[in-house]
Amino acid sequence: MEYTTVTETDTAGRELDDLAPVYEAVFAEPPYNEGPRDVAEFLERYQREHKTPGFRLVLARDGGELTGFAYGLPLASTTGWWSGFLDTDLPKEFTREDGQRTFVVMELAVLASWRGRGVGRALHTALLDGVTAERVTLTVRPEAPAATWYEHLDYQLVGLTQPWDGAPVYRSMIKPRQP
């Protein structure tokens, strides 16, 4: 398995054609059951996010074929990331962002035939390698097998969030980084 980290905007943009079918295959599975509209929203979101300073993409390839990917970026000072919690009120100091404090894992996807082989862990490790943020955050559907997996990676529950009207409920998780 070959892992490649991409931080250059133009290169990250060119990878979208390879990312789309992996995203579509992974998130068509339960509990996500995403369809064409969700894939289109992913494509649109990625087109914006890959241009963010600090954006990182990691690709896992076997013989040139993409088997998984992960990407993330720093939270901007204007982020709405810490909004929409259903079960907690977060202190102002917790939600303060400055573009460097928190790195968010936006997506981590591994094709079903490659799960259980360490690909996800290697993607996660490579994604965070060199990140200087004091903490890492992500959201995950509570019913997804990945929710337990992230707990094994030492992510802690912040609370349940519904980030937009009609969105599913997600577990918001955070992991402090070692100084």
Protein backbone atom coordinates (compact mmCIF):
# COMPACT_ATOMS: atom_id res chain seq x y z
CA MET A 1 0.00 0.00 0.00
CA GLU A 2 1.31 3.42 -0.94
CA TYR A 3 0.31 6.52 1.02
CA THR A 4 0.68 9.99 -0.45
CA THR A 5 0.12 13.27 1.38
CA VAL A 6 -1.04 16.22 -0.72
CA THR A 7 -0.94 19.79 0.56
CA GLU A 8 -0.66 21.69 -2.72
CA THR A 9 -4.00 23.19 -3.82
CA ASP A 10 -3.80 22.40 -7.55
CA THR A 11 -2.75 18.79 -6.94
CA ALA A 12 -5.51 18.33 -4.36
CA GLY A 13 -8.04 19.68 -6.85
CA ARG A 14 -6.94 17.22 -9.53
CA GLU A 15 -7.50 14.27 -7.15
CA LEU A 16 -11.25 14.85 -7.01
CA ASP A 17 -11.97 12.53 -9.95
CA ASP A 18 -10.37 9.66 -8.00
CA LEU A 19 -11.96 10.60 -4.67
CA ALA A 20 -15.54 10.77 -5.93
CA PRO A 21 -16.08 7.05 -6.68
CA VAL A 22 -14.50 6.00 -3.36
CA TYR A 23 -16.67 8.51 -1.47
CA GLU A 24 -19.74 7.32 -3.36
CA ALA A 25 -19.05 3.62 -2.64
CA VAL A 26 -18.26 4.08 1.05
CA PHE A 27 -21.12 6.41 1.89
CA ALA A 28 -23.74 4.49 -0.10
CA GLU A 29 -23.39 1.81 2.61
CA PRO A 30 -25.53 1.78 5.75
CA PRO A 31 -25.88 3.69 7.98
CA TYR A 32 -25.17 6.56 5.58
CA ASN A 33 -27.22 5.41 2.57
CA GLU A 34 -26.10 8.48 0.64
CA GLY A 35 -27.16 8.99 -2.94
CA PRO A 36 -26.32 11.20 -5.92
CA ARG A 37 -27.36 14.44 -4.21
CA ASP A 38 -25.04 13.71 -1.26
CA VAL A 39 -22.15 12.94 -3.61
CA ALA A 40 -22.80 16.22 -5.46
CA GLU A 41 -22.71 18.08 -2.12
CA PHE A 42 -19.42 16.36 -1.25
CA LEU A 43 -17.94 17.41 -4.61
CA GLU A 44 -19.07 21.00 -4.11
CA ARG A 45 -17.76 21.13 -0.52
CA TYR A 46 -14.41 19.62 -1.51
CA GLN A 47 -14.01 22.24 -4.26
CA ARG A 48 -14.05 24.92 -1.53
CA GLU A 49 -12.25 23.09 1.26
CA HIS A 50 -9.17 22.00 -0.68
CA LYS A 51 -8.29 25.68 -1.18
CA THR A 52 -8.16 26.36 2.58
CA PRO A 53 -4.71 27.16 3.96
CA GLY A 54 -3.49 24.15 5.94
CA PHE A 55 -5.61 21.66 3.93
CA ARG A 56 -4.16 18.13 3.92
CA LEU A 57 -5.20 15.12 1.83
CA VAL A 58 -3.83 11.60 2.22
CA LEU A 59 -4.40 8.96 -0.44
CA ALA A 60 -4.02 5.18 -0.05
CA ARG A 61 -3.32 3.37 -3.30
CA ASP A 62 -2.69 -0.26 -4.14
CA GLY A 63 -1.18 -0.71 -7.58
CA GLY A 64 -2.34 2.76 -8.51
CA GLU A 65 -5.96 2.11 -7.50
CA LEU A 66 -7.35 4.38 -4.77
CA THR A 67 -8.45 2.26 -1.79
CA GLY A 68 -9.09 5.09 0.67
CA PHE A 69 -8.50 8.71 1.51
CA ALA A 70 -8.62 11.18 4.37
CA TYR A 71 -8.59 14.93 4.40
CA GLY A 72 -8.82 17.74 6.87
CA LEU A 73 -8.11 21.39 7.51
CA PRO A 74 -7.74 23.92 10.32
CA LEU A 75 -10.90 25.51 11.70
CA ALA A 76 -11.13 29.20 10.84
CA SER A 77 -11.90 31.85 13.45
CA THR A 78 -15.30 32.31 11.76
CA THR A 79 -16.23 28.62 11.86
CA GLY A 80 -19.70 27.42 12.80
CA TRP A 81 -18.25 24.02 13.74
CA TRP A 82 -19.15 24.34 17.41
CA SER A 83 -22.81 25.27 16.71
CA GLY A 84 -25.87 23.05 16.64
CA PHE A 85 -25.25 20.98 19.77
CA LEU A 86 -28.33 19.22 21.07
CA ASP A 87 -27.13 18.16 24.51
CA THR A 88 -24.52 20.63 25.71
CA ASP A 89 -23.63 24.30 25.90
CA LEU A 90 -19.95 24.71 25.20
CA PRO A 91 -17.97 27.41 27.01
CA LYS A 92 -16.78 30.32 24.89
CA GLU A 93 -13.12 29.44 25.52
CA PHE A 94 -13.74 25.90 24.19
CA THR A 95 -15.23 27.18 20.93
CA ARG A 96 -12.60 29.89 20.32
CA GLU A 97 -10.79 29.29 17.03
CA ASP A 98 -7.94 31.17 15.40
CA GLY A 99 -7.19 29.16 12.27
CA GLN A 100 -4.50 27.10 14.02
CA ARG A 101 -5.96 25.80 17.29
CA THR A 102 -8.08 22.95 15.91
CA PHE A 103 -7.61 20.65 12.92
CA VAL A 104 -10.77 18.93 11.67
CA VAL A 105 -10.81 15.52 10.02
CA MET A 106 -13.47 16.20 7.39
CA GLU A 107 -13.53 12.79 5.70
CA LEU A 108 -11.89 9.43 6.16
CA ALA A 109 -13.09 6.72 3.78
CA VAL A 110 -11.79 3.22 3.08
CA LEU A 111 -13.35 0.85 0.56
CA ALA A 112 -15.06 -2.10 2.26
CA SER A 113 -12.68 -4.67 0.77
CA TRP A 114 -9.72 -2.88 2.41
CA ARG A 115 -11.13 -2.42 5.92
CA GLY A 116 -9.55 -4.29 8.80
CA ARG A 117 -6.08 -4.09 7.22
CA GLY A 118 -4.82 -0.94 8.93
CA VAL A 119 -5.54 1.37 5.99
CA GLY A 120 -7.79 3.68 8.03
CA ARG A 121 -5.29 3.94 10.87
CA ALA A 122 -2.44 4.65 8.43
CA LEU A 123 -4.52 7.34 6.68
CA HIS A 124 -5.39 8.93 10.03
CA THR A 125 -1.76 8.87 11.21
CA ALA A 126 -0.45 10.34 7.94
CA LEU A 127 -3.15 13.01 7.93
CA LEU A 128 -2.11 14.28 11.36
CA ASP A 129 1.64 13.89 10.79
CA GLY A 130 3.10 17.37 10.99
CA VAL A 131 -0.14 19.05 12.09
CA THR A 132 0.68 21.54 14.85
CA ALA A 133 -2.87 22.18 16.13
CA GLU A 134 -3.43 21.64 19.85
CA ARG A 135 -6.46 19.43 19.17
CA VAL A 136 -8.22 17.46 16.45
CA THR A 137 -11.96 17.20 15.98
CA LEU A 138 -14.40 15.27 13.81
CA THR A 139 -18.01 14.23 13.63
CA VAL A 140 -19.30 10.72 13.11
CA ARG A 141 -22.72 9.13 12.97
CA PRO A 142 -23.32 7.37 16.33
CA GLU A 143 -24.55 4.20 14.61
CA ALA A 144 -21.52 3.97 12.29
CA PRO A 145 -18.83 1.39 13.12
CA ALA A 146 -16.31 4.24 12.83
CA ALA A 147 -17.73 5.81 16.02
CA THR A 148 -16.20 3.06 18.16
CA TRP A 149 -13.05 3.04 16.06
CA TYR A 150 -12.45 6.74 16.80
CA GLU A 151 -12.83 6.04 20.53
CA HIS A 152 -9.99 3.51 20.17
CA LEU A 153 -7.93 6.34 18.67
CA ASP A 154 -8.53 8.31 21.91
CA TYR A 155 -11.16 10.72 20.64
CA GLN A 156 -13.52 11.89 23.38
CA LEU A 157 -17.19 12.79 23.01
CA VAL A 158 -17.96 16.54 23.06
CA GLY A 159 -21.68 16.09 22.47
CA LEU A 160 -24.34 15.39 19.90
CA THR A 161 -24.78 17.87 17.10
CA GLN A 162 -27.12 18.44 14.21
CA PRO A 163 -25.08 20.85 12.09
CA TRP A 164 -27.86 21.95 9.72
CA ASP A 165 -31.63 21.62 9.40
CA GLY A 166 -32.50 18.11 8.28
CA ALA A 167 -29.01 16.76 8.99
CA PRO A 168 -28.57 13.49 10.81
CA VAL A 169 -27.34 13.63 14.40
CA TYR A 170 -23.58 13.28 14.74
CA ARG A 171 -21.23 12.60 17.61
CA SER A 172 -18.80 15.51 17.83
CA MET A 173 -15.46 14.20 19.10
CA ILE A 174 -12.16 15.78 20.04
CA LYS A 175 -8.65 14.54 20.62
CA PRO A 176 -6.00 16.64 22.36
CA ARG A 177 -2.60 16.61 20.68
CA GLN A 178 0.66 16.02 22.49
CA PRO A 179 2.66 19.24 22.96
